[in-house]
Amino acid sequence: MIRSSIDFVKEIAVKFFDWDGLKREEDRKF
């Protein structure tokens, strides 16, 4: 099984901040 400690954060970013899922440096910082 695989999980990342950032997965939950990504889910919030997509749901509430309309994050596009890309991993640009500004996204990584966000």
PDB file of all heavy atoms in Angstrom:
ATOM      1  N   MET A   1       0.870  -1.178   0.000  1.00  0.00           N
ATOM      2  CA  MET A   1       0.000   0.000   0.000  1.00  0.00           C
ATOM      3  C   MET A   1       0.907   1.228   0.000  1.00  0.00           C
ATOM      4  O   MET A   1       1.971   1.219   0.627  1.00  0.00           O
ATOM      5  CB  MET A   1      -0.901   0.002   1.242  1.00  0.00           C
ATOM      6  CG  MET A   1      -1.893  -1.154   1.266  1.00  0.00           C
ATOM      7  SD  MET A   1      -2.849  -1.227   2.802  1.00  0.00           S
ATOM      8  CE  MET A   1      -3.880   0.217   2.612  1.00  0.00           C
ATOM      9  N   ILE A   2       0.472   2.275  -0.701  1.00  0.00           N
ATOM     10  CA  ILE A   2       1.293   3.477  -0.839  1.00  0.00           C
ATOM     11  C   ILE A   2       0.467   4.696  -0.448  1.00  0.00           C
ATOM     12  O   ILE A   2      -0.667   4.865  -0.892  1.00  0.00           O
ATOM     13  CB  ILE A   2       1.803   3.618  -2.294  1.00  0.00           C
ATOM     14  CG1 ILE A   2       2.646   2.392  -2.685  1.00  0.00           C
ATOM     15  CG2 ILE A   2       2.604   4.907  -2.451  1.00  0.00           C
ATOM     16  CD1 ILE A   2       2.984   2.313  -4.167  1.00  0.00           C
ATOM     17  N   ARG A   3       1.066   5.544   0.392  1.00  0.00           N
ATOM     18  CA  ARG A   3       0.429   6.797   0.798  1.00  0.00           C
ATOM     19  C   ARG A   3       1.530   7.837   0.971  1.00  0.00           C
ATOM     20  O   ARG A   3       2.651   7.507   1.333  1.00  0.00           O
ATOM     21  CB  ARG A   3      -0.336   6.614   2.112  1.00  0.00           C
ATOM     22  CG  ARG A   3      -1.179   7.805   2.531  1.00  0.00           C
ATOM     23  CD  ARG A   3      -2.399   7.966   1.671  1.00  0.00           C
ATOM     24  NE  ARG A   3      -3.201   9.113   2.127  1.00  0.00           N
ATOM     25  CZ  ARG A   3      -4.113   9.681   1.392  1.00  0.00           C
ATOM     26  NH1 ARG A   3      -4.374   9.227   0.187  1.00  0.00           N
ATOM     27  NH2 ARG A   3      -4.805  10.695   1.850  1.00  0.00           N
ATOM     28  N   SER A   4       1.213   9.069   0.721  1.00  0.00           N
ATOM     29  CA  SER A   4       2.146  10.155   0.960  1.00  0.00           C
ATOM     30  C   SER A   4       1.569  11.072   2.021  1.00  0.00           C
ATOM     31  O   SER A   4       0.351  11.250   2.103  1.00  0.00           O
ATOM     32  CB  SER A   4       2.381  10.949  -0.336  1.00  0.00           C
ATOM     33  OG  SER A   4       3.183  12.082  -0.071  1.00  0.00           O
ATOM     34  N   SER A   5       2.436  11.676   2.800  1.00  0.00           N
ATOM     35  CA  SER A   5       1.961  12.608   3.824  1.00  0.00           C
ATOM     36  C   SER A   5       1.388  13.875   3.198  1.00  0.00           C
ATOM     37  O   SER A   5       0.707  14.642   3.866  1.00  0.00           O
ATOM     38  CB  SER A   5       3.095  12.960   4.792  1.00  0.00           C
ATOM     39  OG  SER A   5       4.125  13.661   4.125  1.00  0.00           O
ATOM     40  N   ILE A   6       1.607  14.079   1.916  1.00  0.00           N
ATOM     41  CA  ILE A   6       1.072  15.252   1.230  1.00  0.00           C
ATOM     42  C   ILE A   6      -0.239  14.939   0.499  1.00  0.00           C
ATOM     43  O   ILE A   6      -0.922  15.849   0.026  1.00  0.00           O
ATOM     44  CB  ILE A   6       2.132  15.840   0.254  1.00  0.00           C
ATOM     45  CG1 ILE A   6       1.802  17.280  -0.141  1.00  0.00           C
ATOM     46  CG2 ILE A   6       2.286  14.985  -0.982  1.00  0.00           C
ATOM     47  CD1 ILE A   6       2.144  18.299   0.875  1.00  0.00           C
ATOM     48  N   ASP A   7      -0.634  13.679   0.414  1.00  0.00           N
ATOM     49  CA  ASP A   7      -1.843  13.306  -0.330  1.00  0.00           C
ATOM     50  C   ASP A   7      -3.083  14.038   0.177  1.00  0.00           C
ATOM     51  O   ASP A   7      -3.873  14.549  -0.611  1.00  0.00           O
ATOM     52  CB  ASP A   7      -2.086  11.793  -0.282  1.00  0.00           C
ATOM     53  CG  ASP A   7      -1.138  11.014  -1.170  1.00  0.00           C
ATOM     54  OD1 ASP A   7      -0.480  11.624  -2.036  1.00  0.00           O
ATOM     55  OD2 ASP A   7      -1.047   9.780  -0.993  1.00  0.00           O
ATOM     56  N   PHE A   8      -3.249  14.084   1.491  1.00  0.00           N
ATOM     57  CA  PHE A   8      -4.408  14.758   2.067  1.00  0.00           C
ATOM     58  C   PHE A   8      -4.398  16.247   1.707  1.00  0.00           C
ATOM     59  O   PHE A   8      -5.425  16.830   1.377  1.00  0.00           O
ATOM     60  CB  PHE A   8      -4.435  14.555   3.585  1.00  0.00           C
ATOM     61  CG  PHE A   8      -5.613  15.187   4.259  1.00  0.00           C
ATOM     62  CD1 PHE A   8      -6.864  14.596   4.204  1.00  0.00           C
ATOM     63  CD2 PHE A   8      -5.480  16.387   4.944  1.00  0.00           C
ATOM     64  CE1 PHE A   8      -7.971  15.182   4.820  1.00  0.00           C
ATOM     65  CE2 PHE A   8      -6.572  16.984   5.564  1.00  0.00           C
ATOM     66  CZ  PHE A   8      -7.821  16.380   5.492  1.00  0.00           C
ATOM     67  N   VAL A   9      -3.213  16.845   1.742  1.00  0.00           N
ATOM     68  CA  VAL A   9      -3.065  18.263   1.406  1.00  0.00           C
ATOM     69  C   VAL A   9      -3.442  18.493  -0.060  1.00  0.00           C
ATOM     70  O   VAL A   9      -4.141  19.453  -0.392  1.00  0.00           O
ATOM     71  CB  VAL A   9      -1.622  18.746   1.684  1.00  0.00           C
ATOM     72  CG1 VAL A   9      -1.442  20.204   1.283  1.00  0.00           C
ATOM     73  CG2 VAL A   9      -1.256  18.526   3.140  1.00  0.00           C
ATOM     74  N   LYS A  10      -3.003  17.598  -0.923  1.00  0.00           N
ATOM     75  CA  LYS A  10      -3.348  17.710  -2.351  1.00  0.00           C
ATOM     76  C   LYS A  10      -4.861  17.622  -2.553  1.00  0.00           C
ATOM     77  O   LYS A  10      -5.420  18.357  -3.372  1.00  0.00           O
ATOM     78  CB  LYS A  10      -2.651  16.614  -3.154  1.00  0.00           C
ATOM     79  CG  LYS A  10      -1.167  16.808  -3.309  1.00  0.00           C
ATOM     80  CD  LYS A  10      -0.583  15.635  -4.081  1.00  0.00           C
ATOM     81  CE  LYS A  10       0.898  15.766  -4.289  1.00  0.00           C
ATOM     82  NZ  LYS A  10       1.450  14.592  -4.992  1.00  0.00           N
ATOM     83  N   GLU A  11      -5.501  16.730  -1.820  1.00  0.00           N
ATOM     84  CA  GLU A  11      -6.956  16.599  -1.930  1.00  0.00           C
ATOM     85  C   GLU A  11      -7.655  17.899  -1.540  1.00  0.00           C
ATOM     86  O   GLU A  11      -8.604  18.333  -2.198  1.00  0.00           O
ATOM     87  CB  GLU A  11      -7.440  15.429  -1.070  1.00  0.00           C
ATOM     88  CG  GLU A  11      -6.978  14.074  -1.581  1.00  0.00           C
ATOM     89  CD  GLU A  11      -7.085  12.956  -0.558  1.00  0.00           C
ATOM     90  OE1 GLU A  11      -7.715  13.143   0.509  1.00  0.00           O
ATOM     91  OE2 GLU A  11      -6.521  11.872  -0.818  1.00  0.00           O
ATOM     92  N   ILE A  12      -7.195  18.538  -0.477  1.00  0.00           N
ATOM     93  CA  ILE A  12      -7.755  19.823  -0.046  1.00  0.00           C
ATOM     94  C   ILE A  12      -7.484  20.902  -1.100  1.00  0.00           C
ATOM     95  O   ILE A  12      -8.360  21.701  -1.428  1.00  0.00           O
ATOM     96  CB  ILE A  12      -7.174  20.240   1.324  1.00  0.00           C
ATOM     97  CG1 ILE A  12      -7.701  19.317   2.414  1.00  0.00           C
ATOM     98  CG2 ILE A  12      -7.506  21.694   1.640  1.00  0.00           C
ATOM     99  CD1 ILE A  12      -7.049  19.520   3.758  1.00  0.00           C
ATOM    100  N   ALA A  13      -6.260  20.897  -1.637  1.00  0.00           N
ATOM    101  CA  ALA A  13      -5.885  21.907  -2.634  1.00  0.00           C
ATOM    102  C   ALA A  13      -6.759  21.808  -3.882  1.00  0.00           C
ATOM    103  O   ALA A  13      -7.156  22.826  -4.453  1.00  0.00           O
ATOM    104  CB  ALA A  13      -4.413  21.762  -2.998  1.00  0.00           C
ATOM    105  N   VAL A  14      -7.070  20.596  -4.298  1.00  0.00           N
ATOM    106  CA  VAL A  14      -7.928  20.397  -5.466  1.00  0.00           C
ATOM    107  C   VAL A  14      -9.359  20.821  -5.150  1.00  0.00           C
ATOM    108  O   VAL A  14      -9.980  21.573  -5.905  1.00  0.00           O
ATOM    109  CB  VAL A  14      -7.892  18.921  -5.939  1.00  0.00           C
ATOM    110  CG1 VAL A  14      -8.986  18.640  -6.953  1.00  0.00           C
ATOM    111  CG2 VAL A  14      -6.524  18.578  -6.519  1.00  0.00           C
ATOM    112  N   LYS A  15      -9.867  20.370  -4.014  1.00  0.00           N
ATOM    113  CA  LYS A  15     -11.273  20.597  -3.669  1.00  0.00           C
ATOM    114  C   LYS A  15     -11.591  22.057  -3.341  1.00  0.00           C
ATOM    115  O   LYS A  15     -12.611  22.589  -3.772  1.00  0.00           O
ATOM    116  CB  LYS A  15     -11.653  19.708  -2.486  1.00  0.00           C
ATOM    117  CG  LYS A  15     -13.125  19.743  -2.137  1.00  0.00           C
ATOM    118  CD  LYS A  15     -13.463  18.714  -1.080  1.00  0.00           C
ATOM    119  CE  LYS A  15     -14.946  18.724  -0.775  1.00  0.00           C
ATOM    120  NZ  LYS A  15     -15.311  17.695   0.196  1.00  0.00           N
ATOM    121  N   PHE A  16     -10.707  22.706  -2.590  1.00  0.00           N
ATOM    122  CA  PHE A  16     -11.024  24.044  -2.093  1.00  0.00           C
ATOM    123  C   PHE A  16     -10.257  25.183  -2.773  1.00  0.00           C
ATOM    124  O   PHE A  16     -10.642  26.338  -2.654  1.00  0.00           O
ATOM    125  CB  PHE A  16     -10.797  24.117  -0.581  1.00  0.00           C
ATOM    126  CG  PHE A  16     -11.715  23.215   0.186  1.00  0.00           C
ATOM    127  CD1 PHE A  16     -11.247  22.041   0.753  1.00  0.00           C
ATOM    128  CD2 PHE A  16     -13.063  23.530   0.327  1.00  0.00           C
ATOM    129  CE1 PHE A  16     -12.088  21.193   1.459  1.00  0.00           C
ATOM    130  CE2 PHE A  16     -13.915  22.692   1.025  1.00  0.00           C
ATOM    131  CZ  PHE A  16     -13.429  21.522   1.594  1.00  0.00           C
ATOM    132  N   PHE A  17      -9.163  24.862  -3.443  1.00  0.00           N
ATOM    133  CA  PHE A  17      -8.344  25.920  -4.044  1.00  0.00           C
ATOM    134  C   PHE A  17      -8.185  25.762  -5.550  1.00  0.00           C
ATOM    135  O   PHE A  17      -7.373  26.438  -6.157  1.00  0.00           O
ATOM    136  CB  PHE A  17      -6.963  25.976  -3.371  1.00  0.00           C
ATOM    137  CG  PHE A  17      -7.037  26.327  -1.915  1.00  0.00           C
ATOM    138  CD1 PHE A  17      -7.027  25.336  -0.942  1.00  0.00           C
ATOM    139  CD2 PHE A  17      -7.134  27.649  -1.517  1.00  0.00           C
ATOM    140  CE1 PHE A  17      -7.105  25.663   0.405  1.00  0.00           C
ATOM    141  CE2 PHE A  17      -7.210  27.980  -0.170  1.00  0.00           C
ATOM    142  CZ  PHE A  17      -7.201  26.980   0.792  1.00  0.00           C
ATOM    143  N   ASP A  18      -8.931  24.816  -6.125  1.00  0.00           N
ATOM    144  CA  ASP A  18      -8.923  24.604  -7.569  1.00  0.00           C
ATOM    145  C   ASP A  18      -7.507  24.364  -8.112  1.00  0.00           C
ATOM    146  O   ASP A  18      -7.174  24.786  -9.217  1.00  0.00           O
ATOM    147  CB  ASP A  18      -9.582  25.800  -8.281  1.00  0.00           C
ATOM    148  CG  ASP A  18     -10.061  25.434  -9.666  1.00  0.00           C
ATOM    149  OD1 ASP A  18     -10.412  24.263  -9.893  1.00  0.00           O
ATOM    150  OD2 ASP A  18     -10.073  26.328 -10.538  1.00  0.00           O
ATOM    151  N   TRP A  19      -6.669  23.690  -7.323  1.00  0.00           N
ATOM    152  CA  TRP A  19      -5.305  23.372  -7.754  1.00  0.00           C
ATOM    153  C   TRP A  19      -5.375  22.408  -8.928  1.00  0.00           C
ATOM    154  O   TRP A  19      -6.159  21.461  -8.924  1.00  0.00           O
ATOM    155  CB  TRP A  19      -4.519  22.782  -6.576  1.00  0.00           C
ATOM    156  CG  TRP A  19      -3.123  22.369  -6.914  1.00  0.00           C
ATOM    157  CD1 TRP A  19      -2.139  23.141  -7.459  1.00  0.00           C
ATOM    158  CD2 TRP A  19      -2.550  21.072  -6.726  1.00  0.00           C
ATOM    159  NE1 TRP A  19      -0.993  22.414  -7.607  1.00  0.00           N
ATOM    160  CE2 TRP A  19      -1.220  21.137  -7.167  1.00  0.00           C
ATOM    161  CE3 TRP A  19      -3.032  19.868  -6.225  1.00  0.00           C
ATOM    162  CZ2 TRP A  19      -0.360  20.040  -7.122  1.00  0.00           C
ATOM    163  CZ3 TRP A  19      -2.187  18.780  -6.171  1.00  0.00           C
ATOM    164  CH2 TRP A  19      -0.857  18.869  -6.617  1.00  0.00           C
ATOM    165  N   ASP A  20      -4.540  22.625  -9.935  1.00  0.00           N
ATOM    166  CA  ASP A  20      -4.590  21.823 -11.161  1.00  0.00           C
ATOM    167  C   ASP A  20      -3.772  20.529 -11.103  1.00  0.00           C
ATOM    168  O   ASP A  20      -3.721  19.787 -12.078  1.00  0.00           O
ATOM    169  CB  ASP A  20      -4.154  22.658 -12.366  1.00  0.00           C
ATOM    170  CG  ASP A  20      -2.736  23.199 -12.241  1.00  0.00           C
ATOM    171  OD1 ASP A  20      -1.973  22.767 -11.351  1.00  0.00           O
ATOM    172  OD2 ASP A  20      -2.390  24.091 -13.047  1.00  0.00           O
ATOM    173  N   GLY A  21      -3.114  20.257  -9.976  1.00  0.00           N
ATOM    174  CA  GLY A  21      -2.382  19.008  -9.817  1.00  0.00           C
ATOM    175  C   GLY A  21      -0.976  19.008 -10.368  1.00  0.00           C
ATOM    176  O   GLY A  21      -0.276  17.999 -10.292  1.00  0.00           O
ATOM    177  N   LEU A  22      -0.537  20.113 -10.921  1.00  0.00           N
ATOM    178  CA  LEU A  22       0.819  20.184 -11.460  1.00  0.00           C
ATOM    179  C   LEU A  22       1.829  20.396 -10.334  1.00  0.00           C
ATOM    180  O   LEU A  22       1.478  20.845  -9.249  1.00  0.00           O
ATOM    181  CB  LEU A  22       0.922  21.300 -12.494  1.00  0.00           C
ATOM    182  CG  LEU A  22       0.049  21.106 -13.743  1.00  0.00           C
ATOM    183  CD1 LEU A  22       0.178  22.311 -14.670  1.00  0.00           C
ATOM    184  CD2 LEU A  22       0.424  19.815 -14.467  1.00  0.00           C
ATOM    185  N   LYS A  23       3.081  20.071 -10.613  1.00  0.00           N
ATOM    186  CA  LYS A  23       4.122  20.177  -9.588  1.00  0.00           C
ATOM    187  C   LYS A  23       5.186  21.197  -9.978  1.00  0.00           C
ATOM    188  O   LYS A  23       6.369  20.907  -9.957  1.00  0.00           O
ATOM    189  CB  LYS A  23       4.766  18.806  -9.357  1.00  0.00           C
ATOM    190  CG  LYS A  23       3.856  17.805  -8.711  1.00  0.00           C
ATOM    191  CD  LYS A  23       4.612  16.520  -8.452  1.00  0.00           C
ATOM    192  CE  LYS A  23       3.765  15.482  -7.784  1.00  0.00           C
ATOM    193  NZ  LYS A  23       4.505  14.249  -7.532  1.00  0.00           N
ATOM    194  N   ARG A  24       4.736  22.391 -10.329  1.00  0.00           N
ATOM    195  CA  ARG A  24       5.683  23.475 -10.585  1.00  0.00           C
ATOM    196  C   ARG A  24       6.256  23.911  -9.231  1.00  0.00           C
ATOM    197  O   ARG A  24       5.699  23.587  -8.188  1.00  0.00           O
ATOM    198  CB  ARG A  24       4.963  24.640 -11.259  1.00  0.00           C
ATOM    199  CG  ARG A  24       4.354  24.278 -12.630  1.00  0.00           C
ATOM    200  CD  ARG A  24       3.409  25.364 -13.088  1.00  0.00           C
ATOM    201  NE  ARG A  24       2.299  25.483 -12.160  1.00  0.00           N
ATOM    202  CZ  ARG A  24       1.017  25.313 -12.483  1.00  0.00           C
ATOM    203  NH1 ARG A  24       0.669  25.021 -13.712  1.00  0.00           N
ATOM    204  NH2 ARG A  24       0.067  25.449 -11.573  1.00  0.00           N
ATOM    205  N   GLU A  25       7.336  24.668  -9.272  1.00  0.00           N
ATOM    206  CA  GLU A  25       7.950  25.082  -8.002  1.00  0.00           C
ATOM    207  C   GLU A  25       6.990  25.891  -7.140  1.00  0.00           C
ATOM    208  O   GLU A  25       6.957  25.713  -5.924  1.00  0.00           O
ATOM    209  CB  GLU A  25       9.256  25.846  -8.256  1.00  0.00           C
ATOM    210  CG  GLU A  25      10.359  24.901  -8.691  1.00  0.00           C
ATOM    211  CD  GLU A  25      11.745  25.371  -8.347  1.00  0.00           C
ATOM    212  OE1 GLU A  25      11.927  26.071  -7.335  1.00  0.00           O
ATOM    213  OE2 GLU A  25      12.652  25.012  -9.101  1.00  0.00           O
ATOM    214  N   GLU A  26       6.174  26.745  -7.752  1.00  0.00           N
ATOM    215  CA  GLU A  26       5.220  27.534  -6.952  1.00  0.00           C
ATOM    216  C   GLU A  26       4.144  26.633  -6.341  1.00  0.00           C
ATOM    217  O   GLU A  26       3.657  26.880  -5.237  1.00  0.00           O
ATOM    218  CB  GLU A  26       4.587  28.670  -7.770  1.00  0.00           C
ATOM    219  CG  GLU A  26       3.809  28.233  -8.987  1.00  0.00           C
ATOM    220  CD  GLU A  26       4.598  28.192 -10.284  1.00  0.00           C
ATOM    221  OE1 GLU A  26       5.843  28.155 -10.258  1.00  0.00           O
ATOM    222  OE2 GLU A  26       3.949  28.196 -11.346  1.00  0.00           O
ATOM    223  N   ASP A  27       3.790  25.542  -7.046  1.00  0.00           N
ATOM    224  CA  ASP A  27       2.825  24.582  -6.499  1.00  0.00           C
ATOM    225  C   ASP A  27       3.433  23.825  -5.319  1.00  0.00           C
ATOM    226  O   ASP A  27       2.766  23.593  -4.310  1.00  0.00           O
ATOM    227  CB  ASP A  27       2.389  23.578  -7.572  1.00  0.00           C
ATOM    228  CG  ASP A  27       1.706  24.245  -8.743  1.00  0.00           C
ATOM    229  OD1 ASP A  27       0.758  25.012  -8.509  1.00  0.00           O
ATOM    230  OD2 ASP A  27       2.132  23.996  -9.888  1.00  0.00           O
ATOM    231  N   ARG A  28       4.687  23.437  -5.464  1.00  0.00           N
ATOM    232  CA  ARG A  28       5.380  22.719  -4.390  1.00  0.00           C
ATOM    233  C   ARG A  28       5.438  23.597  -3.132  1.00  0.00           C
ATOM    234  O   ARG A  28       5.230  23.118  -2.027  1.00  0.00           O
ATOM    235  CB  ARG A  28       6.773  22.292  -4.831  1.00  0.00           C
ATOM    236  CG  ARG A  28       6.772  21.343  -6.032  1.00  0.00           C
ATOM    237  CD  ARG A  28       8.165  20.899  -6.395  1.00  0.00           C
ATOM    238  NE  ARG A  28       8.630  19.926  -5.423  1.00  0.00           N
ATOM    239  CZ  ARG A  28       8.273  18.644  -5.412  1.00  0.00           C
ATOM    240  NH1 ARG A  28       7.460  18.179  -6.322  1.00  0.00           N
ATOM    241  NH2 ARG A  28       8.727  17.835  -4.495  1.00  0.00           N
ATOM    242  N   LYS A  29       5.709  24.893  -3.324  1.00  0.00           N
ATOM    243  CA  LYS A  29       5.772  25.814  -2.190  1.00  0.00           C
ATOM    244  C   LYS A  29       4.387  25.988  -1.563  1.00  0.00           C
ATOM    245  O   LYS A  29       4.243  25.975  -0.343  1.00  0.00           O
ATOM    246  CB  LYS A  29       6.332  27.167  -2.638  1.00  0.00           C
ATOM    247  CG  LYS A  29       6.582  28.103  -1.494  1.00  0.00           C
ATOM    248  CD  LYS A  29       7.332  29.331  -1.931  1.00  0.00           C
ATOM    249  CE  LYS A  29       7.663  30.149  -0.705  1.00  0.00           C
ATOM    250  NZ  LYS A  29       8.526  31.253  -0.977  1.00  0.00           N
ATOM    251  N   PHE A  30       3.357  26.126  -2.391  1.00  0.00           N
ATOM    252  CA  PHE A  30       1.977  26.243  -1.918  1.00  0.00           C
ATOM    253  C   PHE A  30       1.596  25.024  -1.082  1.00  0.00           C
ATOM    254  O   PHE A  30       1.076  25.156   0.035  1.00  0.00           O
ATOM    255  CB  PHE A  30       1.042  26.401  -3.130  1.00  0.00           C
ATOM    256  CG  PHE A  30      -0.415  26.195  -2.831  1.00  0.00           C
ATOM    257  CD1 PHE A  30      -1.124  27.105  -2.062  1.00  0.00           C
ATOM    258  CD2 PHE A  30      -1.085  25.086  -3.338  1.00  0.00           C
ATOM    259  CE1 PHE A  30      -2.487  26.918  -1.798  1.00  0.00           C
ATOM    260  CE2 PHE A  30      -2.433  24.892  -3.081  1.00  0.00           C
ATOM    261  CZ  PHE A  30      -3.130  25.804  -2.314  1.00  0.00           C
TER     262      PHE A  30
END
